[in-house]
Amino acid sequence: NVDADAASSTNSDIYVVPIAGGEIRK
């Protein structure tokens, strides 16, 4: 959850990232 007020937000999303490291993508 990257919302500005995470404590009151339920908007969590799923991200992927290469195992070797690299760009994080929603």
mmCIF file of all heavy atoms, coordinates in Angstrom:
data_MODEL
# 
_entry.id   MODEL 
# 
loop_
_atom_site.group_PDB 
_atom_site.id 
_atom_site.type_symbol 
_atom_site.label_atom_id 
_atom_site.label_alt_id 
_atom_site.label_comp_id 
_atom_site.label_asym_id 
_atom_site.label_entity_id 
_atom_site.label_seq_id 
_atom_site.pdbx_PDB_ins_code 
_atom_site.Cartn_x 
_atom_site.Cartn_y 
_atom_site.Cartn_z 
_atom_site.occupancy 
_atom_site.B_iso_or_equiv 
_atom_site.pdbx_formal_charge 
_atom_site.auth_seq_id 
_atom_site.auth_comp_id 
_atom_site.auth_asym_id 
_atom_site.auth_atom_id 
_atom_site.pdbx_PDB_model_num 
ATOM 1   N N   . ASN A 1 1  ? 0.850  -1.187  0.000   1.00 0.00 ? 1  ASN A N   1 
ATOM 2   C CA  . ASN A 1 1  ? 0.000  0.000   0.000   1.00 0.00 ? 1  ASN A CA  1 
ATOM 3   C C   . ASN A 1 1  ? 0.885  1.236   0.000   1.00 0.00 ? 1  ASN A C   1 
ATOM 4   O O   . ASN A 1 1  ? 1.623  1.485   0.956   1.00 0.00 ? 1  ASN A O   1 
ATOM 5   C CB  . ASN A 1 1  ? -0.913 -0.008  1.235   1.00 0.00 ? 1  ASN A CB  1 
ATOM 6   C CG  . ASN A 1 1  ? -1.973 1.084   1.188   1.00 0.00 ? 1  ASN A CG  1 
ATOM 7   O OD1 . ASN A 1 1  ? -1.793 2.102   0.534   1.00 0.00 ? 1  ASN A OD1 1 
ATOM 8   N ND2 . ASN A 1 1  ? -3.076 0.872   1.883   1.00 0.00 ? 1  ASN A ND2 1 
ATOM 9   N N   . VAL A 1 2  ? 0.806  2.021   -1.076  1.00 0.00 ? 2  VAL A N   1 
ATOM 10  C CA  . VAL A 1 2  ? 1.632  3.227   -1.181  1.00 0.00 ? 2  VAL A CA  1 
ATOM 11  C C   . VAL A 1 2  ? 0.796  4.496   -1.083  1.00 0.00 ? 2  VAL A C   1 
ATOM 12  O O   . VAL A 1 2  ? 1.288  5.580   -1.400  1.00 0.00 ? 2  VAL A O   1 
ATOM 13  C CB  . VAL A 1 2  ? 2.443  3.221   -2.492  1.00 0.00 ? 2  VAL A CB  1 
ATOM 14  C CG1 . VAL A 1 2  ? 3.414  2.054   -2.519  1.00 0.00 ? 2  VAL A CG1 1 
ATOM 15  C CG2 . VAL A 1 2  ? 1.522  3.199   -3.708  1.00 0.00 ? 2  VAL A CG2 1 
ATOM 16  N N   . ASP A 1 3  ? -0.470 4.386   -0.655  1.00 0.00 ? 3  ASP A N   1 
ATOM 17  C CA  . ASP A 1 3  ? -1.297 5.571   -0.483  1.00 0.00 ? 3  ASP A CA  1 
ATOM 18  C C   . ASP A 1 3  ? -0.696 6.498   0.562   1.00 0.00 ? 3  ASP A C   1 
ATOM 19  O O   . ASP A 1 3  ? 0.011  6.053   1.480   1.00 0.00 ? 3  ASP A O   1 
ATOM 20  C CB  . ASP A 1 3  ? -2.714 5.183   -0.064  1.00 0.00 ? 3  ASP A CB  1 
ATOM 21  C CG  . ASP A 1 3  ? -3.540 4.683   -1.243  1.00 0.00 ? 3  ASP A CG  1 
ATOM 22  O OD1 . ASP A 1 3  ? -2.991 4.605   -2.352  1.00 0.00 ? 3  ASP A OD1 1 
ATOM 23  O OD2 . ASP A 1 3  ? -4.731 4.374   -1.047  1.00 0.00 ? 3  ASP A OD2 1 
ATOM 24  N N   . ALA A 1 4  ? -0.995 7.775   0.438   1.00 0.00 ? 4  ALA A N   1 
ATOM 25  C CA  . ALA A 1 4  ? -0.418 8.765   1.353   1.00 0.00 ? 4  ALA A CA  1 
ATOM 26  C C   . ALA A 1 4  ? -0.783 8.479   2.807   1.00 0.00 ? 4  ALA A C   1 
ATOM 27  O O   . ALA A 1 4  ? 0.028  8.664   3.714   1.00 0.00 ? 4  ALA A O   1 
ATOM 28  C CB  . ALA A 1 4  ? -0.881 10.168  0.949   1.00 0.00 ? 4  ALA A CB  1 
ATOM 29  N N   . ASP A 1 5  ? -2.023 8.032   3.032   1.00 0.00 ? 5  ASP A N   1 
ATOM 30  C CA  . ASP A 1 5  ? -2.470 7.685   4.383   1.00 0.00 ? 5  ASP A CA  1 
ATOM 31  C C   . ASP A 1 5  ? -2.769 6.197   4.419   1.00 0.00 ? 5  ASP A C   1 
ATOM 32  O O   . ASP A 1 5  ? -3.919 5.780   4.357   1.00 0.00 ? 5  ASP A O   1 
ATOM 33  C CB  . ASP A 1 5  ? -3.700 8.510   4.752   1.00 0.00 ? 5  ASP A CB  1 
ATOM 34  C CG  . ASP A 1 5  ? -4.120 8.314   6.213   1.00 0.00 ? 5  ASP A CG  1 
ATOM 35  O OD1 . ASP A 1 5  ? -3.362 7.641   6.959   1.00 0.00 ? 5  ASP A OD1 1 
ATOM 36  O OD2 . ASP A 1 5  ? -5.184 8.822   6.602   1.00 0.00 ? 5  ASP A OD2 1 
ATOM 37  N N   . ALA A 1 6  ? -1.730 5.402   4.516   1.00 0.00 ? 6  ALA A N   1 
ATOM 38  C CA  . ALA A 1 6  ? -1.884 3.946   4.461   1.00 0.00 ? 6  ALA A CA  1 
ATOM 39  C C   . ALA A 1 6  ? -2.710 3.399   5.614   1.00 0.00 ? 6  ALA A C   1 
ATOM 40  O O   . ALA A 1 6  ? -3.362 2.357   5.489   1.00 0.00 ? 6  ALA A O   1 
ATOM 41  C CB  . ALA A 1 6  ? -0.513 3.282   4.438   1.00 0.00 ? 6  ALA A CB  1 
ATOM 42  N N   . ALA A 1 7  ? -2.701 4.101   6.752   1.00 0.00 ? 7  ALA A N   1 
ATOM 43  C CA  . ALA A 1 7  ? -3.425 3.618   7.932   1.00 0.00 ? 7  ALA A CA  1 
ATOM 44  C C   . ALA A 1 7  ? -4.924 3.580   7.707   1.00 0.00 ? 7  ALA A C   1 
ATOM 45  O O   . ALA A 1 7  ? -5.627 2.748   8.293   1.00 0.00 ? 7  ALA A O   1 
ATOM 46  C CB  . ALA A 1 7  ? -3.090 4.477   9.141   1.00 0.00 ? 7  ALA A CB  1 
ATOM 47  N N   . SER A 1 8  ? -5.454 4.451   6.866   1.00 0.00 ? 8  SER A N   1 
ATOM 48  C CA  . SER A 1 8  ? -6.895 4.502   6.625   1.00 0.00 ? 8  SER A CA  1 
ATOM 49  C C   . SER A 1 8  ? -7.276 3.965   5.246   1.00 0.00 ? 8  SER A C   1 
ATOM 50  O O   . SER A 1 8  ? -8.437 4.024   4.857   1.00 0.00 ? 8  SER A O   1 
ATOM 51  C CB  . SER A 1 8  ? -7.399 5.944   6.748   1.00 0.00 ? 8  SER A CB  1 
ATOM 52  O OG  . SER A 1 8  ? -6.783 6.775   5.769   1.00 0.00 ? 8  SER A OG  1 
ATOM 53  N N   . SER A 1 9  ? -6.317 3.425   4.518   1.00 0.00 ? 9  SER A N   1 
ATOM 54  C CA  . SER A 1 9  ? -6.563 2.951   3.162   1.00 0.00 ? 9  SER A CA  1 
ATOM 55  C C   . SER A 1 9  ? -6.472 1.430   3.117   1.00 0.00 ? 9  SER A C   1 
ATOM 56  O O   . SER A 1 9  ? -5.672 0.814   3.817   1.00 0.00 ? 9  SER A O   1 
ATOM 57  C CB  . SER A 1 9  ? -5.538 3.558   2.206   1.00 0.00 ? 9  SER A CB  1 
ATOM 58  O OG  . SER A 1 9  ? -5.586 2.917   0.942   1.00 0.00 ? 9  SER A OG  1 
ATOM 59  N N   . THR A 1 10 ? -7.285 0.816   2.275   1.00 0.00 ? 10 THR A N   1 
ATOM 60  C CA  . THR A 1 10 ? -7.196 -0.625  2.037   1.00 0.00 ? 10 THR A CA  1 
ATOM 61  C C   . THR A 1 10 ? -6.623 -0.931  0.658   1.00 0.00 ? 10 THR A C   1 
ATOM 62  O O   . THR A 1 10 ? -6.617 -2.077  0.229   1.00 0.00 ? 10 THR A O   1 
ATOM 63  C CB  . THR A 1 10 ? -8.594 -1.281  2.147   1.00 0.00 ? 10 THR A CB  1 
ATOM 64  O OG1 . THR A 1 10 ? -9.448 -0.724  1.124   1.00 0.00 ? 10 THR A OG1 1 
ATOM 65  C CG2 . THR A 1 10 ? -9.205 -1.051  3.513   1.00 0.00 ? 10 THR A CG2 1 
ATOM 66  N N   . ASN A 1 11 ? -6.124 0.097   -0.028  1.00 0.00 ? 11 ASN A N   1 
ATOM 67  C CA  . ASN A 1 11 ? -5.702 -0.051  -1.418  1.00 0.00 ? 11 ASN A CA  1 
ATOM 68  C C   . ASN A 1 11 ? -4.295 -0.632  -1.526  1.00 0.00 ? 11 ASN A C   1 
ATOM 69  O O   . ASN A 1 11 ? -3.328 0.052   -1.846  1.00 0.00 ? 11 ASN A O   1 
ATOM 70  C CB  . ASN A 1 11 ? -5.762 1.298   -2.135  1.00 0.00 ? 11 ASN A CB  1 
ATOM 71  C CG  . ASN A 1 11 ? -5.415 1.175   -3.605  1.00 0.00 ? 11 ASN A CG  1 
ATOM 72  O OD1 . ASN A 1 11 ? -5.563 0.107   -4.192  1.00 0.00 ? 11 ASN A OD1 1 
ATOM 73  N ND2 . ASN A 1 11 ? -4.958 2.269   -4.195  1.00 0.00 ? 11 ASN A ND2 1 
ATOM 74  N N   . SER A 1 12 ? -4.176 -1.932  -1.264  1.00 0.00 ? 12 SER A N   1 
ATOM 75  C CA  . SER A 1 12 ? -2.901 -2.616  -1.462  1.00 0.00 ? 12 SER A CA  1 
ATOM 76  C C   . SER A 1 12 ? -2.884 -3.250  -2.848  1.00 0.00 ? 12 SER A C   1 
ATOM 77  O O   . SER A 1 12 ? -3.887 -3.776  -3.308  1.00 0.00 ? 12 SER A O   1 
ATOM 78  C CB  . SER A 1 12 ? -2.680 -3.683  -0.392  1.00 0.00 ? 12 SER A CB  1 
ATOM 79  O OG  . SER A 1 12 ? -3.714 -4.647  -0.434  1.00 0.00 ? 12 SER A OG  1 
ATOM 80  N N   . ASP A 1 13 ? -1.747 -3.190  -3.518  1.00 0.00 ? 13 ASP A N   1 
ATOM 81  C CA  . ASP A 1 13 ? -1.597 -3.749  -4.851  1.00 0.00 ? 13 ASP A CA  1 
ATOM 82  C C   . ASP A 1 13 ? -0.474 -4.778  -4.866  1.00 0.00 ? 13 ASP A C   1 
ATOM 83  O O   . ASP A 1 13 ? 0.307  -4.895  -3.922  1.00 0.00 ? 13 ASP A O   1 
ATOM 84  C CB  . ASP A 1 13 ? -1.306 -2.636  -5.872  1.00 0.00 ? 13 ASP A CB  1 
ATOM 85  C CG  . ASP A 1 13 ? -2.519 -1.760  -6.123  1.00 0.00 ? 13 ASP A CG  1 
ATOM 86  O OD1 . ASP A 1 13 ? -3.567 -2.298  -6.529  1.00 0.00 ? 13 ASP A OD1 1 
ATOM 87  O OD2 . ASP A 1 13 ? -2.423 -0.539  -5.898  1.00 0.00 ? 13 ASP A OD2 1 
ATOM 88  N N   . ILE A 1 14 ? -0.398 -5.522  -5.950  1.00 0.00 ? 14 ILE A N   1 
ATOM 89  C CA  . ILE A 1 14 ? 0.613  -6.563  -6.106  1.00 0.00 ? 14 ILE A CA  1 
ATOM 90  C C   . ILE A 1 14 ? 1.678  -6.068  -7.079  1.00 0.00 ? 14 ILE A C   1 
ATOM 91  O O   . ILE A 1 14 ? 1.368  -5.522  -8.142  1.00 0.00 ? 14 ILE A O   1 
ATOM 92  C CB  . ILE A 1 14 ? -0.016 -7.870  -6.610  1.00 0.00 ? 14 ILE A CB  1 
ATOM 93  C CG1 . ILE A 1 14 ? -1.012 -8.393  -5.570  1.00 0.00 ? 14 ILE A CG1 1 
ATOM 94  C CG2 . ILE A 1 14 ? 1.050  -8.919  -6.894  1.00 0.00 ? 14 ILE A CG2 1 
ATOM 95  C CD1 . ILE A 1 14 ? -1.831 -9.568  -6.047  1.00 0.00 ? 14 ILE A CD1 1 
ATOM 96  N N   . TYR A 1 15 ? 2.932  -6.268  -6.702  1.00 0.00 ? 15 TYR A N   1 
ATOM 97  C CA  . TYR A 1 15 ? 4.070  -5.840  -7.502  1.00 0.00 ? 15 TYR A CA  1 
ATOM 98  C C   . TYR A 1 15 ? 4.942  -7.044  -7.835  1.00 0.00 ? 15 TYR A C   1 
ATOM 99  O O   . TYR A 1 15 ? 4.947  -8.043  -7.108  1.00 0.00 ? 15 TYR A O   1 
ATOM 100 C CB  . TYR A 1 15 ? 4.914  -4.811  -6.738  1.00 0.00 ? 15 TYR A CB  1 
ATOM 101 C CG  . TYR A 1 15 ? 4.230  -3.495  -6.475  1.00 0.00 ? 15 TYR A CG  1 
ATOM 102 C CD1 . TYR A 1 15 ? 3.218  -3.387  -5.526  1.00 0.00 ? 15 TYR A CD1 1 
ATOM 103 C CD2 . TYR A 1 15 ? 4.591  -2.343  -7.177  1.00 0.00 ? 15 TYR A CD2 1 
ATOM 104 C CE1 . TYR A 1 15 ? 2.587  -2.168  -5.276  1.00 0.00 ? 15 TYR A CE1 1 
ATOM 105 C CE2 . TYR A 1 15 ? 3.967  -1.120  -6.930  1.00 0.00 ? 15 TYR A CE2 1 
ATOM 106 C CZ  . TYR A 1 15 ? 2.966  -1.046  -5.982  1.00 0.00 ? 15 TYR A CZ  1 
ATOM 107 O OH  . TYR A 1 15 ? 2.351  0.154   -5.734  1.00 0.00 ? 15 TYR A OH  1 
ATOM 108 N N   . VAL A 1 16 ? 5.691  -6.938  -8.921  1.00 0.00 ? 16 VAL A N   1 
ATOM 109 C CA  . VAL A 1 16 ? 6.676  -7.960  -9.268  1.00 0.00 ? 16 VAL A CA  1 
ATOM 110 C C   . VAL A 1 16 ? 8.043  -7.301  -9.395  1.00 0.00 ? 16 VAL A C   1 
ATOM 111 O O   . VAL A 1 16 ? 8.158  -6.124  -9.764  1.00 0.00 ? 16 VAL A O   1 
ATOM 112 C CB  . VAL A 1 16 ? 6.312  -8.683  -10.579 1.00 0.00 ? 16 VAL A CB  1 
ATOM 113 C CG1 . VAL A 1 16 ? 5.045  -9.487  -10.414 1.00 0.00 ? 16 VAL A CG1 1 
ATOM 114 C CG2 . VAL A 1 16 ? 6.180  -7.710  -11.741 1.00 0.00 ? 16 VAL A CG2 1 
ATOM 115 N N   . VAL A 1 17 ? 9.079  -8.092  -9.078  1.00 0.00 ? 17 VAL A N   1 
ATOM 116 C CA  . VAL A 1 17 ? 10.448 -7.614  -9.203  1.00 0.00 ? 17 VAL A CA  1 
ATOM 117 C C   . VAL A 1 17 ? 11.318 -8.805  -9.607  1.00 0.00 ? 17 VAL A C   1 
ATOM 118 O O   . VAL A 1 17 ? 11.108 -9.920  -9.125  1.00 0.00 ? 17 VAL A O   1 
ATOM 119 C CB  . VAL A 1 17 ? 10.944 -6.987  -7.880  1.00 0.00 ? 17 VAL A CB  1 
ATOM 120 C CG1 . VAL A 1 17 ? 10.935 -7.996  -6.744  1.00 0.00 ? 17 VAL A CG1 1 
ATOM 121 C CG2 . VAL A 1 17 ? 12.338 -6.380  -8.052  1.00 0.00 ? 17 VAL A CG2 1 
ATOM 122 N N   . PRO A 1 18 ? 12.259 -8.638  -10.499 1.00 0.00 ? 18 PRO A N   1 
ATOM 123 C CA  . PRO A 1 18 ? 13.144 -9.740  -10.864 1.00 0.00 ? 18 PRO A CA  1 
ATOM 124 C C   . PRO A 1 18 ? 13.907 -10.262 -9.645  1.00 0.00 ? 18 PRO A C   1 
ATOM 125 O O   . PRO A 1 18 ? 14.302 -9.482  -8.768  1.00 0.00 ? 18 PRO A O   1 
ATOM 126 C CB  . PRO A 1 18 ? 14.094 -9.108  -11.889 1.00 0.00 ? 18 PRO A CB  1 
ATOM 127 C CG  . PRO A 1 18 ? 13.348 -7.929  -12.429 1.00 0.00 ? 18 PRO A CG  1 
ATOM 128 C CD  . PRO A 1 18 ? 12.532 -7.417  -11.292 1.00 0.00 ? 18 PRO A CD  1 
ATOM 129 N N   . ILE A 1 19 ? 14.103 -11.589 -9.591  1.00 0.00 ? 19 ILE A N   1 
ATOM 130 C CA  . ILE A 1 19 ? 14.812 -12.181 -8.465  1.00 0.00 ? 19 ILE A CA  1 
ATOM 131 C C   . ILE A 1 19 ? 16.220 -11.615 -8.350  1.00 0.00 ? 19 ILE A C   1 
ATOM 132 O O   . ILE A 1 19 ? 16.743 -11.405 -7.245  1.00 0.00 ? 19 ILE A O   1 
ATOM 133 C CB  . ILE A 1 19 ? 14.847 -13.711 -8.614  1.00 0.00 ? 19 ILE A CB  1 
ATOM 134 C CG1 . ILE A 1 19 ? 13.434 -14.286 -8.488  1.00 0.00 ? 19 ILE A CG1 1 
ATOM 135 C CG2 . ILE A 1 19 ? 15.769 -14.349 -7.577  1.00 0.00 ? 19 ILE A CG2 1 
ATOM 136 C CD1 . ILE A 1 19 ? 13.353 -15.776 -8.699  1.00 0.00 ? 19 ILE A CD1 1 
ATOM 137 N N   . ALA A 1 20 ? 16.847 -11.340 -9.486  1.00 0.00 ? 20 ALA A N   1 
ATOM 138 C CA  . ALA A 1 20 ? 18.210 -10.808 -9.482  1.00 0.00 ? 20 ALA A CA  1 
ATOM 139 C C   . ALA A 1 20 ? 18.248 -9.308  -9.191  1.00 0.00 ? 20 ALA A C   1 
ATOM 140 O O   . ALA A 1 20 ? 19.324 -8.708  -9.136  1.00 0.00 ? 20 ALA A O   1 
ATOM 141 C CB  . ALA A 1 20 ? 18.875 -11.093 -10.821 1.00 0.00 ? 20 ALA A CB  1 
ATOM 142 N N   . GLY A 1 21 ? 17.070 -8.707  -8.984  1.00 0.00 ? 21 GLY A N   1 
ATOM 143 C CA  . GLY A 1 21 ? 16.998 -7.267  -8.767  1.00 0.00 ? 21 GLY A CA  1 
ATOM 144 C C   . GLY A 1 21 ? 16.626 -6.544  -10.046 1.00 0.00 ? 21 GLY A C   1 
ATOM 145 O O   . GLY A 1 21 ? 16.747 -7.092  -11.143 1.00 0.00 ? 21 GLY A O   1 
ATOM 146 N N   . GLY A 1 22 ? 16.149 -5.334  -9.908  1.00 0.00 ? 22 GLY A N   1 
ATOM 147 C CA  . GLY A 1 22 ? 15.766 -4.559  -11.082 1.00 0.00 ? 22 GLY A CA  1 
ATOM 148 C C   . GLY A 1 22 ? 14.512 -3.760  -10.834 1.00 0.00 ? 22 GLY A C   1 
ATOM 149 O O   . GLY A 1 22 ? 14.159 -3.469  -9.683  1.00 0.00 ? 22 GLY A O   1 
ATOM 150 N N   . GLU A 1 23 ? 13.835 -3.431  -11.901 1.00 0.00 ? 23 GLU A N   1 
ATOM 151 C CA  . GLU A 1 23 ? 12.664 -2.564  -11.816 1.00 0.00 ? 23 GLU A CA  1 
ATOM 152 C C   . GLU A 1 23 ? 11.504 -3.247  -11.105 1.00 0.00 ? 23 GLU A C   1 
ATOM 153 O O   . GLU A 1 23 ? 11.171 -4.399  -11.370 1.00 0.00 ? 23 GLU A O   1 
ATOM 154 C CB  . GLU A 1 23 ? 12.219 -2.167  -13.223 1.00 0.00 ? 23 GLU A CB  1 
ATOM 155 C CG  . GLU A 1 23 ? 10.994 -1.267  -13.248 1.00 0.00 ? 23 GLU A CG  1 
ATOM 156 C CD  . GLU A 1 23 ? 10.498 -1.008  -14.659 1.00 0.00 ? 23 GLU A CD  1 
ATOM 157 O OE1 . GLU A 1 23 ? 11.099 -1.542  -15.611 1.00 0.00 ? 23 GLU A OE1 1 
ATOM 158 O OE2 . GLU A 1 23 ? 9.497  -0.274  -14.797 1.00 0.00 ? 23 GLU A OE2 1 
ATOM 159 N N   . ILE A 1 24 ? 10.871 -2.523  -10.189 1.00 0.00 ? 24 ILE A N   1 
ATOM 160 C CA  . ILE A 1 24 ? 9.661  -2.981  -9.510  1.00 0.00 ? 24 ILE A CA  1 
ATOM 161 C C   . ILE A 1 24 ? 8.459  -2.508  -10.326 1.00 0.00 ? 24 ILE A C   1 
ATOM 162 O O   . ILE A 1 24 ? 8.360  -1.331  -10.681 1.00 0.00 ? 24 ILE A O   1 
ATOM 163 C CB  . ILE A 1 24 ? 9.590  -2.426  -8.078  1.00 0.00 ? 24 ILE A CB  1 
ATOM 164 C CG1 . ILE A 1 24 ? 10.793 -2.908  -7.264  1.00 0.00 ? 24 ILE A CG1 1 
ATOM 165 C CG2 . ILE A 1 24 ? 8.289  -2.838  -7.403  1.00 0.00 ? 24 ILE A CG2 1 
ATOM 166 C CD1 . ILE A 1 24 ? 10.876 -2.293  -5.882  1.00 0.00 ? 24 ILE A CD1 1 
ATOM 167 N N   . ARG A 1 25 ? 7.558  -3.446  -10.615 1.00 0.00 ? 25 ARG A N   1 
ATOM 168 C CA  . ARG A 1 25 ? 6.427  -3.117  -11.483 1.00 0.00 ? 25 ARG A CA  1 
ATOM 169 C C   . ARG A 1 25 ? 5.113  -3.518  -10.834 1.00 0.00 ? 25 ARG A C   1 
ATOM 170 O O   . ARG A 1 25 ? 4.964  -4.641  -10.353 1.00 0.00 ? 25 ARG A O   1 
ATOM 171 C CB  . ARG A 1 25 ? 6.587  -3.828  -12.829 1.00 0.00 ? 25 ARG A CB  1 
ATOM 172 C CG  . ARG A 1 25 ? 5.512  -3.520  -13.848 1.00 0.00 ? 25 ARG A CG  1 
ATOM 173 C CD  . ARG A 1 25 ? 5.940  -4.008  -15.223 1.00 0.00 ? 25 ARG A CD  1 
ATOM 174 N NE  . ARG A 1 25 ? 6.259  -5.425  -15.218 1.00 0.00 ? 25 ARG A NE  1 
ATOM 175 C CZ  . ARG A 1 25 ? 5.369  -6.386  -15.495 1.00 0.00 ? 25 ARG A CZ  1 
ATOM 176 N NH1 . ARG A 1 25 ? 4.105  -6.064  -15.789 1.00 0.00 ? 25 ARG A NH1 1 
ATOM 177 N NH2 . ARG A 1 25 ? 5.735  -7.645  -15.488 1.00 0.00 ? 25 ARG A NH2 1 
ATOM 178 N N   . LYS A 1 26 ? 4.151  -2.595  -10.794 1.00 0.00 ? 26 LYS A N   1 
ATOM 179 C CA  . LYS A 1 26 ? 2.823  -2.872  -10.247 1.00 0.00 ? 26 LYS A CA  1 
ATOM 180 C C   . LYS A 1 26 ? 1.987  -3.591  -11.296 1.00 0.00 ? 26 LYS A C   1 
ATOM 181 O O   . LYS A 1 26 ? 1.915  -3.156  -12.446 1.00 0.00 ? 26 LYS A O   1 
ATOM 182 C CB  . LYS A 1 26 ? 2.130  -1.581  -9.814  1.00 0.00 ? 26 LYS A CB  1 
ATOM 183 C CG  . LYS A 1 26 ? 0.799  -1.821  -9.103  1.00 0.00 ? 26 LYS A CG  1 
ATOM 184 C CD  . LYS A 1 26 ? 0.234  -0.546  -8.509  1.00 0.00 ? 26 LYS A CD  1 
ATOM 185 C CE  . LYS A 1 26 ? -0.319 0.364   -9.567  1.00 0.00 ? 26 LYS A CE  1 
ATOM 186 N NZ  . LYS A 1 26 ? -1.121 1.479   -8.977  1.00 0.00 ? 26 LYS A NZ  1 
# 
